[in-house]
Amino acid sequence: MLNKSKKVITCGIDEAGRGPVIGPMVIACCCFDEDGIAKLKELNVKDSKQITPKKREFLEEKIKKITLKYIIKKISPVEIDETRKIISLNDIEAKEISEMLLELNKTTEIMPSVIYIDSPENIQENFTKKILKFSPTKISVNIISEHFADSKYIEVSAASILAKVERDREIENLKKIYGDFGSGYPSDTKTVEFLKKNESKIPREIIRKSWNVKFKEEKKEDKKEDKQAKLF
């Protein structure tokens, strides 16, 4: 429960794992008052992509102690695949963020005055409208969704760290079970080789089967051709 205070409360929201073929997408939301923002600045919090994994883990613990409230949502590969039959990935993210805002509204005494969101879309108004479209009740809060917000607003930088560390933790747990498959992104050669060699053994729960993943396959005449991994 957020403390009753006249201080300005702001919130940042960001995701990790939109593009991978393996593992969940993780979205994090965290709220701070002015004192919390000052502490984030003292820690030199930056976008998760700009700091090392070890530093991210260190900052994750600090951020969770500083934040007034944080929410972490994990969207599984199965849920992504099934929902993408109806709406786009951007819509899925907007829907999940809308649910986060409703949770904030229900569980906090004071809603943040501004919510900064790292938008997957270049036009701010479009993603904000999508978020509000999925809300069954009116949310009276100023939403600023911008491309590269994770490098513009320290609240979003903090959320990016929580999301990234949580996703990395999920990936490491999967590797303990299934072996090293790399980053899980279709651009990663180690991930593609893993899919190529283990496509019939990969459990449904960890793979986004709606992703188009291609790998190179040697033909008898030593020519290479693109072949789509049989994820179905």
C-alpha atoms as a PDB file:
ATOM      1  CA  MET A   1       0.000   0.000   0.000  1.00  0.00           C
ATOM      2  CA  LEU A   2       1.433   3.368  -0.975  1.00  0.00           C
ATOM      3  CA  ASN A   3       1.844   5.768   1.919  1.00  0.00           C
ATOM      4  CA  LYS A   4      -0.422   8.789   2.103  1.00  0.00           C
ATOM      5  CA  SER A   5       1.807  11.704   1.130  1.00  0.00           C
ATOM      6  CA  LYS A   6       1.774  15.048  -0.610  1.00  0.00           C
ATOM      7  CA  LYS A   7       4.938  14.078  -2.416  1.00  0.00           C
ATOM      8  CA  VAL A   8       4.832  13.505  -6.129  1.00  0.00           C
ATOM      9  CA  ILE A   9       4.638   9.818  -7.025  1.00  0.00           C
ATOM     10  CA  THR A  10       5.687   8.619 -10.453  1.00  0.00           C
ATOM     11  CA  CYS A  11       5.844   5.204 -12.042  1.00  0.00           C
ATOM     12  CA  GLY A  12       7.888   3.480 -14.729  1.00  0.00           C
ATOM     13  CA  ILE A  13       6.937   0.461 -16.856  1.00  0.00           C
ATOM     14  CA  ASP A  14       9.143  -1.558 -19.199  1.00  0.00           C
ATOM     15  CA  GLU A  15       9.437  -5.063 -20.624  1.00  0.00           C
ATOM     16  CA  ALA A  16      12.115  -7.627 -21.378  1.00  0.00           C
ATOM     17  CA  GLY A  17      11.801 -10.455 -23.869  1.00  0.00           C
ATOM     18  CA  ARG A  18       9.469  -9.206 -26.611  1.00  0.00           C
ATOM     19  CA  GLY A  19      11.443 -10.823 -29.407  1.00  0.00           C
ATOM     20  CA  PRO A  20      12.813 -14.190 -28.168  1.00  0.00           C
ATOM     21  CA  VAL A  21      11.489 -17.489 -29.451  1.00  0.00           C
ATOM     22  CA  ILE A  22      12.300 -19.145 -26.103  1.00  0.00           C
ATOM     23  CA  GLY A  23      11.009 -18.045 -22.718  1.00  0.00           C
ATOM     24  CA  PRO A  24       8.473 -15.525 -21.392  1.00  0.00           C
ATOM     25  CA  MET A  25       8.027 -11.825 -21.907  1.00  0.00           C
ATOM     26  CA  VAL A  26       8.368 -10.023 -18.578  1.00  0.00           C
ATOM     27  CA  ILE A  27       6.850  -6.619 -17.795  1.00  0.00           C
ATOM     28  CA  ALA A  28       7.803  -4.650 -14.681  1.00  0.00           C
ATOM     29  CA  CYS A  29       6.139  -1.656 -13.069  1.00  0.00           C
ATOM     30  CA  CYS A  30       7.589   0.312 -10.140  1.00  0.00           C
ATOM     31  CA  CYS A  31       6.492   3.451  -8.276  1.00  0.00           C
ATOM     32  CA  PHE A  32       8.654   6.039  -6.535  1.00  0.00           C
ATOM     33  CA  ASP A  33       8.245   9.224  -4.550  1.00  0.00           C
ATOM     34  CA  GLU A  34      10.720  12.093  -4.792  1.00  0.00           C
ATOM     35  CA  ASP A  35      13.028  10.530  -2.196  1.00  0.00           C
ATOM     36  CA  GLY A  36      13.040   7.298  -4.156  1.00  0.00           C
ATOM     37  CA  ILE A  37      13.954   9.088  -7.376  1.00  0.00           C
ATOM     38  CA  ALA A  38      16.847  10.782  -5.572  1.00  0.00           C
ATOM     39  CA  LYS A  39      18.102   7.388  -4.356  1.00  0.00           C
ATOM     40  CA  LEU A  40      17.871   5.970  -7.892  1.00  0.00           C
ATOM     41  CA  LYS A  41      20.021   8.852  -9.093  1.00  0.00           C
ATOM     42  CA  GLU A  42      22.556   8.208  -6.310  1.00  0.00           C
ATOM     43  CA  LEU A  43      22.779   4.594  -7.499  1.00  0.00           C
ATOM     44  CA  ASN A  44      23.262   5.839 -11.082  1.00  0.00           C
ATOM     45  CA  VAL A  45      20.396   3.667 -12.327  1.00  0.00           C
ATOM     46  CA  LYS A  46      20.405   3.339 -16.125  1.00  0.00           C
ATOM     47  CA  ASP A  47      18.625   1.390 -18.820  1.00  0.00           C
ATOM     48  CA  SER A  48      19.314  -2.306 -18.245  1.00  0.00           C
ATOM     49  CA  LYS A  49      20.993  -2.624 -21.657  1.00  0.00           C
ATOM     50  CA  GLN A  50      23.675  -0.163 -20.545  1.00  0.00           C
ATOM     51  CA  ILE A  51      24.863  -2.103 -17.484  1.00  0.00           C
ATOM     52  CA  THR A  52      26.389  -5.513 -16.821  1.00  0.00           C
ATOM     53  CA  PRO A  53      24.367  -8.519 -15.592  1.00  0.00           C
ATOM     54  CA  LYS A  54      26.176  -8.395 -12.235  1.00  0.00           C
ATOM     55  CA  LYS A  55      25.351  -4.707 -11.779  1.00  0.00           C
ATOM     56  CA  ARG A  56      21.733  -5.353 -12.798  1.00  0.00           C
ATOM     57  CA  GLU A  57      21.364  -7.973 -10.070  1.00  0.00           C
ATOM     58  CA  PHE A  58      22.877  -5.598  -7.512  1.00  0.00           C
ATOM     59  CA  LEU A  59      20.535  -2.790  -8.547  1.00  0.00           C
ATOM     60  CA  GLU A  60      17.478  -5.055  -8.638  1.00  0.00           C
ATOM     61  CA  GLU A  61      17.757  -5.679  -4.901  1.00  0.00           C
ATOM     62  CA  LYS A  62      18.236  -1.975  -4.198  1.00  0.00           C
ATOM     63  CA  ILE A  63      15.339  -0.914  -6.429  1.00  0.00           C
ATOM     64  CA  LYS A  64      12.935  -3.343  -4.752  1.00  0.00           C
ATOM     65  CA  LYS A  65      13.791  -1.767  -1.384  1.00  0.00           C
ATOM     66  CA  ILE A  66      13.403   1.793  -2.670  1.00  0.00           C
ATOM     67  CA  THR A  67      10.177   1.423  -4.652  1.00  0.00           C
ATOM     68  CA  LEU A  68       6.854   2.136  -2.975  1.00  0.00           C
ATOM     69  CA  LYS A  69       5.316  -0.697  -4.973  1.00  0.00           C
ATOM     70  CA  TYR A  70       6.370  -2.944  -7.810  1.00  0.00           C
ATOM     71  CA  ILE A  71       4.503  -5.423 -10.005  1.00  0.00           C
ATOM     72  CA  ILE A  72       6.074  -8.042 -12.261  1.00  0.00           C
ATOM     73  CA  LYS A  73       4.045  -9.918 -14.874  1.00  0.00           C
ATOM     74  CA  LYS A  74       5.275 -12.908 -16.875  1.00  0.00           C
ATOM     75  CA  ILE A  75       3.561 -13.734 -20.155  1.00  0.00           C
ATOM     76  CA  SER A  76       4.302 -17.315 -21.151  1.00  0.00           C
ATOM     77  CA  PRO A  77       5.071 -18.473 -24.704  1.00  0.00           C
ATOM     78  CA  VAL A  78       1.769 -20.389 -24.781  1.00  0.00           C
ATOM     79  CA  GLU A  79      -0.196 -17.302 -23.747  1.00  0.00           C
ATOM     80  CA  ILE A  80       1.639 -15.186 -26.331  1.00  0.00           C
ATOM     81  CA  ASP A  81       0.938 -17.702 -29.109  1.00  0.00           C
ATOM     82  CA  GLU A  82      -2.725 -18.098 -28.244  1.00  0.00           C
ATOM     83  CA  THR A  83      -3.387 -14.377 -27.814  1.00  0.00           C
ATOM     84  CA  ARG A  84      -1.554 -13.477 -31.017  1.00  0.00           C
ATOM     85  CA  LYS A  85      -4.225 -15.403 -32.893  1.00  0.00           C
ATOM     86  CA  ILE A  86      -6.554 -12.547 -31.941  1.00  0.00           C
ATOM     87  CA  ILE A  87      -4.427  -9.439 -31.337  1.00  0.00           C
ATOM     88  CA  SER A  88      -0.907  -8.205 -32.068  1.00  0.00           C
ATOM     89  CA  LEU A  89       2.086  -8.424 -29.742  1.00  0.00           C
ATOM     90  CA  ASN A  90       1.850  -4.656 -29.158  1.00  0.00           C
ATOM     91  CA  ASP A  91      -1.778  -5.124 -28.135  1.00  0.00           C
ATOM     92  CA  ILE A  92      -0.792  -7.948 -25.793  1.00  0.00           C
ATOM     93  CA  GLU A  93       1.726  -5.683 -24.087  1.00  0.00           C
ATOM     94  CA  ALA A  94      -0.819  -2.857 -23.866  1.00  0.00           C
ATOM     95  CA  LYS A  95      -3.387  -5.251 -22.359  1.00  0.00           C
ATOM     96  CA  GLU A  96      -0.947  -6.468 -19.706  1.00  0.00           C
ATOM     97  CA  ILE A  97       0.044  -2.904 -18.819  1.00  0.00           C
ATOM     98  CA  SER A  98      -3.633  -1.969 -18.525  1.00  0.00           C
ATOM     99  CA  GLU A  99      -4.063  -4.793 -16.009  1.00  0.00           C
ATOM    100  CA  MET A 100      -1.062  -3.491 -14.071  1.00  0.00           C
ATOM    101  CA  LEU A 101      -2.592  -0.031 -13.866  1.00  0.00           C
ATOM    102  CA  LEU A 102      -5.868  -1.502 -12.611  1.00  0.00           C
ATOM    103  CA  GLU A 103      -3.949  -3.382  -9.920  1.00  0.00           C
ATOM    104  CA  LEU A 104      -2.236  -0.143  -8.893  1.00  0.00           C
ATOM    105  CA  ASN A 105      -5.609   1.581  -8.760  1.00  0.00           C
ATOM    106  CA  LYS A 106      -7.072  -1.151  -6.537  1.00  0.00           C
ATOM    107  CA  THR A 107      -4.125  -1.677  -4.194  1.00  0.00           C
ATOM    108  CA  THR A 108      -2.740   1.825  -3.672  1.00  0.00           C
ATOM    109  CA  GLU A 109      -4.140   4.759  -1.726  1.00  0.00           C
ATOM    110  CA  ILE A 110      -2.532   7.299  -4.042  1.00  0.00           C
ATOM    111  CA  MET A 111      -2.137   6.676  -7.762  1.00  0.00           C
ATOM    112  CA  PRO A 112       1.037   8.000  -9.406  1.00  0.00           C
ATOM    113  CA  SER A 113       0.589  11.409 -10.999  1.00  0.00           C
ATOM    114  CA  VAL A 114       2.537  10.304 -14.077  1.00  0.00           C
ATOM    115  CA  ILE A 115       3.243   6.858 -15.521  1.00  0.00           C
ATOM    116  CA  TYR A 116       6.138   6.624 -17.961  1.00  0.00           C
ATOM    117  CA  ILE A 117       6.086   3.649 -20.329  1.00  0.00           C
ATOM    118  CA  ASP A 118       8.637   2.398 -22.819  1.00  0.00           C
ATOM    119  CA  SER A 119       6.510   2.170 -25.946  1.00  0.00           C
ATOM    120  CA  PRO A 120       7.052  -0.361 -28.744  1.00  0.00           C
ATOM    121  CA  GLU A 121       5.431   2.174 -31.077  1.00  0.00           C
ATOM    122  CA  ASN A 122       6.899   5.428 -32.348  1.00  0.00           C
ATOM    123  CA  ILE A 123       3.677   7.434 -31.984  1.00  0.00           C
ATOM    124  CA  GLN A 124       3.044   8.042 -28.287  1.00  0.00           C
ATOM    125  CA  GLU A 125      -0.706   8.524 -28.575  1.00  0.00           C
ATOM    126  CA  ASN A 126      -1.243   5.189 -30.321  1.00  0.00           C
ATOM    127  CA  PHE A 127       0.169   3.015 -27.547  1.00  0.00           C
ATOM    128  CA  THR A 128      -1.460   5.100 -24.817  1.00  0.00           C
ATOM    129  CA  LYS A 129      -4.831   4.681 -26.546  1.00  0.00           C
ATOM    130  CA  LYS A 130      -4.311   0.921 -26.733  1.00  0.00           C
ATOM    131  CA  ILE A 131      -3.613   0.751 -23.002  1.00  0.00           C
ATOM    132  CA  LEU A 132      -6.759   2.714 -22.174  1.00  0.00           C
ATOM    133  CA  LYS A 133      -8.800   0.663 -24.657  1.00  0.00           C
ATOM    134  CA  PHE A 134      -8.155  -2.512 -22.656  1.00  0.00           C
ATOM    135  CA  SER A 135      -9.141  -0.922 -19.352  1.00  0.00           C
ATOM    136  CA  PRO A 136     -12.726  -1.741 -18.264  1.00  0.00           C
ATOM    137  CA  THR A 137     -12.746   1.320 -16.003  1.00  0.00           C
ATOM    138  CA  LYS A 138     -11.511   4.861 -16.556  1.00  0.00           C
ATOM    139  CA  ILE A 139      -7.970   5.441 -15.274  1.00  0.00           C
ATOM    140  CA  SER A 140      -7.391   9.038 -14.248  1.00  0.00           C
ATOM    141  CA  VAL A 141      -3.640   9.264 -14.637  1.00  0.00           C
ATOM    142  CA  ASN A 142      -1.243  10.965 -17.015  1.00  0.00           C
ATOM    143  CA  ILE A 143       0.341   8.263 -19.211  1.00  0.00           C
ATOM    144  CA  ILE A 144       3.449   9.141 -21.177  1.00  0.00           C
ATOM    145  CA  SER A 145       4.463   6.306 -23.492  1.00  0.00           C
ATOM    146  CA  GLU A 146       7.550   7.007 -25.534  1.00  0.00           C
ATOM    147  CA  HIS A 147       9.996   5.113 -27.671  1.00  0.00           C
ATOM    148  CA  PHE A 148      13.296   4.688 -25.743  1.00  0.00           C
ATOM    149  CA  ALA A 149      11.675   5.850 -22.496  1.00  0.00           C
ATOM    150  CA  ASP A 150      14.006   3.420 -20.687  1.00  0.00           C
ATOM    151  CA  SER A 151      16.911   5.761 -21.459  1.00  0.00           C
ATOM    152  CA  LYS A 152      14.931   8.987 -20.834  1.00  0.00           C
ATOM    153  CA  TYR A 153      13.191   8.417 -17.500  1.00  0.00           C
ATOM    154  CA  ILE A 154      14.912   6.897 -14.489  1.00  0.00           C
ATOM    155  CA  GLU A 155      11.643   5.284 -13.336  1.00  0.00           C
ATOM    156  CA  VAL A 156      11.523   3.312 -16.602  1.00  0.00           C
ATOM    157  CA  SER A 157      15.223   2.470 -16.312  1.00  0.00           C
ATOM    158  CA  ALA A 158      14.486   0.944 -12.904  1.00  0.00           C
ATOM    159  CA  ALA A 159      11.562  -1.044 -14.352  1.00  0.00           C
ATOM    160  CA  SER A 160      13.781  -2.256 -17.204  1.00  0.00           C
ATOM    161  CA  ILE A 161      16.245  -3.650 -14.665  1.00  0.00           C
ATOM    162  CA  LEU A 162      13.542  -5.525 -12.744  1.00  0.00           C
ATOM    163  CA  ALA A 163      12.125  -6.976 -15.967  1.00  0.00           C
ATOM    164  CA  LYS A 164      15.510  -7.948 -17.397  1.00  0.00           C
ATOM    165  CA  VAL A 165      16.801  -9.613 -14.240  1.00  0.00           C
ATOM    166  CA  GLU A 166      13.568 -11.571 -13.814  1.00  0.00           C
ATOM    167  CA  ARG A 167      13.647 -12.772 -17.423  1.00  0.00           C
ATOM    168  CA  ASP A 168      17.335 -13.715 -17.160  1.00  0.00           C
ATOM    169  CA  ARG A 169      16.486 -15.690 -14.040  1.00  0.00           C
ATOM    170  CA  GLU A 170      13.749 -17.552 -15.921  1.00  0.00           C
ATOM    171  CA  ILE A 171      16.124 -18.297 -18.812  1.00  0.00           C
ATOM    172  CA  GLU A 172      18.844 -19.637 -16.504  1.00  0.00           C
ATOM    173  CA  ASN A 173      16.303 -21.949 -14.847  1.00  0.00           C
ATOM    174  CA  LEU A 174      15.303 -23.290 -18.282  1.00  0.00           C
ATOM    175  CA  LYS A 175      18.954 -23.861 -19.205  1.00  0.00           C
ATOM    176  CA  LYS A 176      19.447 -25.969 -16.083  1.00  0.00           C
ATOM    177  CA  ILE A 177      16.737 -28.277 -17.416  1.00  0.00           C
ATOM    178  CA  TYR A 178      17.256 -28.209 -21.200  1.00  0.00           C
ATOM    179  CA  GLY A 179      20.879 -27.171 -21.657  1.00  0.00           C
ATOM    180  CA  ASP A 180      22.469 -24.022 -23.028  1.00  0.00           C
ATOM    181  CA  PHE A 181      20.314 -22.657 -25.858  1.00  0.00           C
ATOM    182  CA  GLY A 182      21.918 -19.216 -25.906  1.00  0.00           C
ATOM    183  CA  SER A 183      19.913 -16.043 -25.481  1.00  0.00           C
ATOM    184  CA  GLY A 184      16.663 -17.475 -26.836  1.00  0.00           C
ATOM    185  CA  TYR A 185      16.527 -14.923 -29.656  1.00  0.00           C
ATOM    186  CA  PRO A 186      16.091 -16.140 -33.251  1.00  0.00           C
ATOM    187  CA  SER A 187      19.097 -14.031 -34.279  1.00  0.00           C
ATOM    188  CA  ASP A 188      21.329 -16.056 -31.928  1.00  0.00           C
ATOM    189  CA  THR A 189      23.107 -18.880 -33.816  1.00  0.00           C
ATOM    190  CA  LYS A 190      23.298 -20.987 -30.650  1.00  0.00           C
ATOM    191  CA  THR A 191      19.528 -20.690 -30.202  1.00  0.00           C
ATOM    192  CA  VAL A 192      18.900 -21.592 -33.855  1.00  0.00           C
ATOM    193  CA  GLU A 193      21.181 -24.654 -33.591  1.00  0.00           C
ATOM    194  CA  PHE A 194      19.357 -25.726 -30.446  1.00  0.00           C
ATOM    195  CA  LEU A 195      16.021 -25.516 -32.261  1.00  0.00           C
ATOM    196  CA  LYS A 196      17.438 -27.393 -35.248  1.00  0.00           C
ATOM    197  CA  LYS A 197      18.755 -30.283 -33.162  1.00  0.00           C
ATOM    198  CA  ASN A 198      15.974 -30.501 -30.596  1.00  0.00           C
ATOM    199  CA  GLU A 199      12.806 -29.377 -32.350  1.00  0.00           C
ATOM    200  CA  SER A 200      10.995 -32.644 -31.646  1.00  0.00           C
ATOM    201  CA  LYS A 201      11.994 -32.594 -27.960  1.00  0.00           C
ATOM    202  CA  ILE A 202      11.293 -28.975 -27.084  1.00  0.00           C
ATOM    203  CA  PRO A 203       8.364 -28.688 -24.646  1.00  0.00           C
ATOM    204  CA  ARG A 204       5.426 -26.568 -25.731  1.00  0.00           C
ATOM    205  CA  GLU A 205       5.615 -24.455 -22.588  1.00  0.00           C
ATOM    206  CA  ILE A 206       8.936 -22.743 -23.360  1.00  0.00           C
ATOM    207  CA  ILE A 207       8.679 -22.097 -27.116  1.00  0.00           C
ATOM    208  CA  ARG A 208       6.753 -19.411 -28.984  1.00  0.00           C
ATOM    209  CA  LYS A 209       5.575 -21.558 -31.836  1.00  0.00           C
ATOM    210  CA  SER A 210       4.098 -18.635 -33.726  1.00  0.00           C
ATOM    211  CA  TRP A 211       7.589 -17.204 -34.269  1.00  0.00           C
ATOM    212  CA  ASN A 212       9.166 -17.802 -37.689  1.00  0.00           C
ATOM    213  CA  VAL A 213      12.635 -19.186 -37.057  1.00  0.00           C
ATOM    214  CA  LYS A 214      14.863 -20.161 -39.958  1.00  0.00           C
ATOM    215  CA  PHE A 215      18.147 -22.029 -40.036  1.00  0.00           C
ATOM    216  CA  LYS A 216      20.620 -23.046 -42.705  1.00  0.00           C
ATOM    217  CA  GLU A 217      20.555 -26.662 -43.818  1.00  0.00           C
ATOM    218  CA  GLU A 218      23.150 -28.404 -45.969  1.00  0.00           C
ATOM    219  CA  LYS A 219      21.715 -30.115 -49.059  1.00  0.00           C
ATOM    220  CA  LYS A 220      23.354 -33.086 -50.763  1.00  0.00           C
ATOM    221  CA  GLU A 221      24.804 -30.838 -53.465  1.00  0.00           C
ATOM    222  CA  ASP A 222      26.421 -28.766 -50.672  1.00  0.00           C
ATOM    223  CA  LYS A 223      24.121 -25.813 -51.267  1.00  0.00           C
ATOM    224  CA  LYS A 224      22.460 -24.094 -48.374  1.00  0.00           C
ATOM    225  CA  GLU A 225      18.825 -23.179 -48.191  1.00  0.00           C
ATOM    226  CA  ASP A 226      16.633 -21.573 -45.596  1.00  0.00           C
ATOM    227  CA  LYS A 227      14.413 -24.019 -43.766  1.00  0.00           C
ATOM    228  CA  GLN A 228      11.820 -23.012 -41.223  1.00  0.00           C
ATOM    229  CA  ALA A 229      12.176 -24.751 -37.896  1.00  0.00           C
ATOM    230  CA  LYS A 230       9.273 -27.114 -37.297  1.00  0.00           C
ATOM    231  CA  LEU A 231       7.992 -25.596 -34.121  1.00  0.00           C
ATOM    232  CA  PHE A 232       4.443 -26.844 -34.601  1.00  0.00           C
END
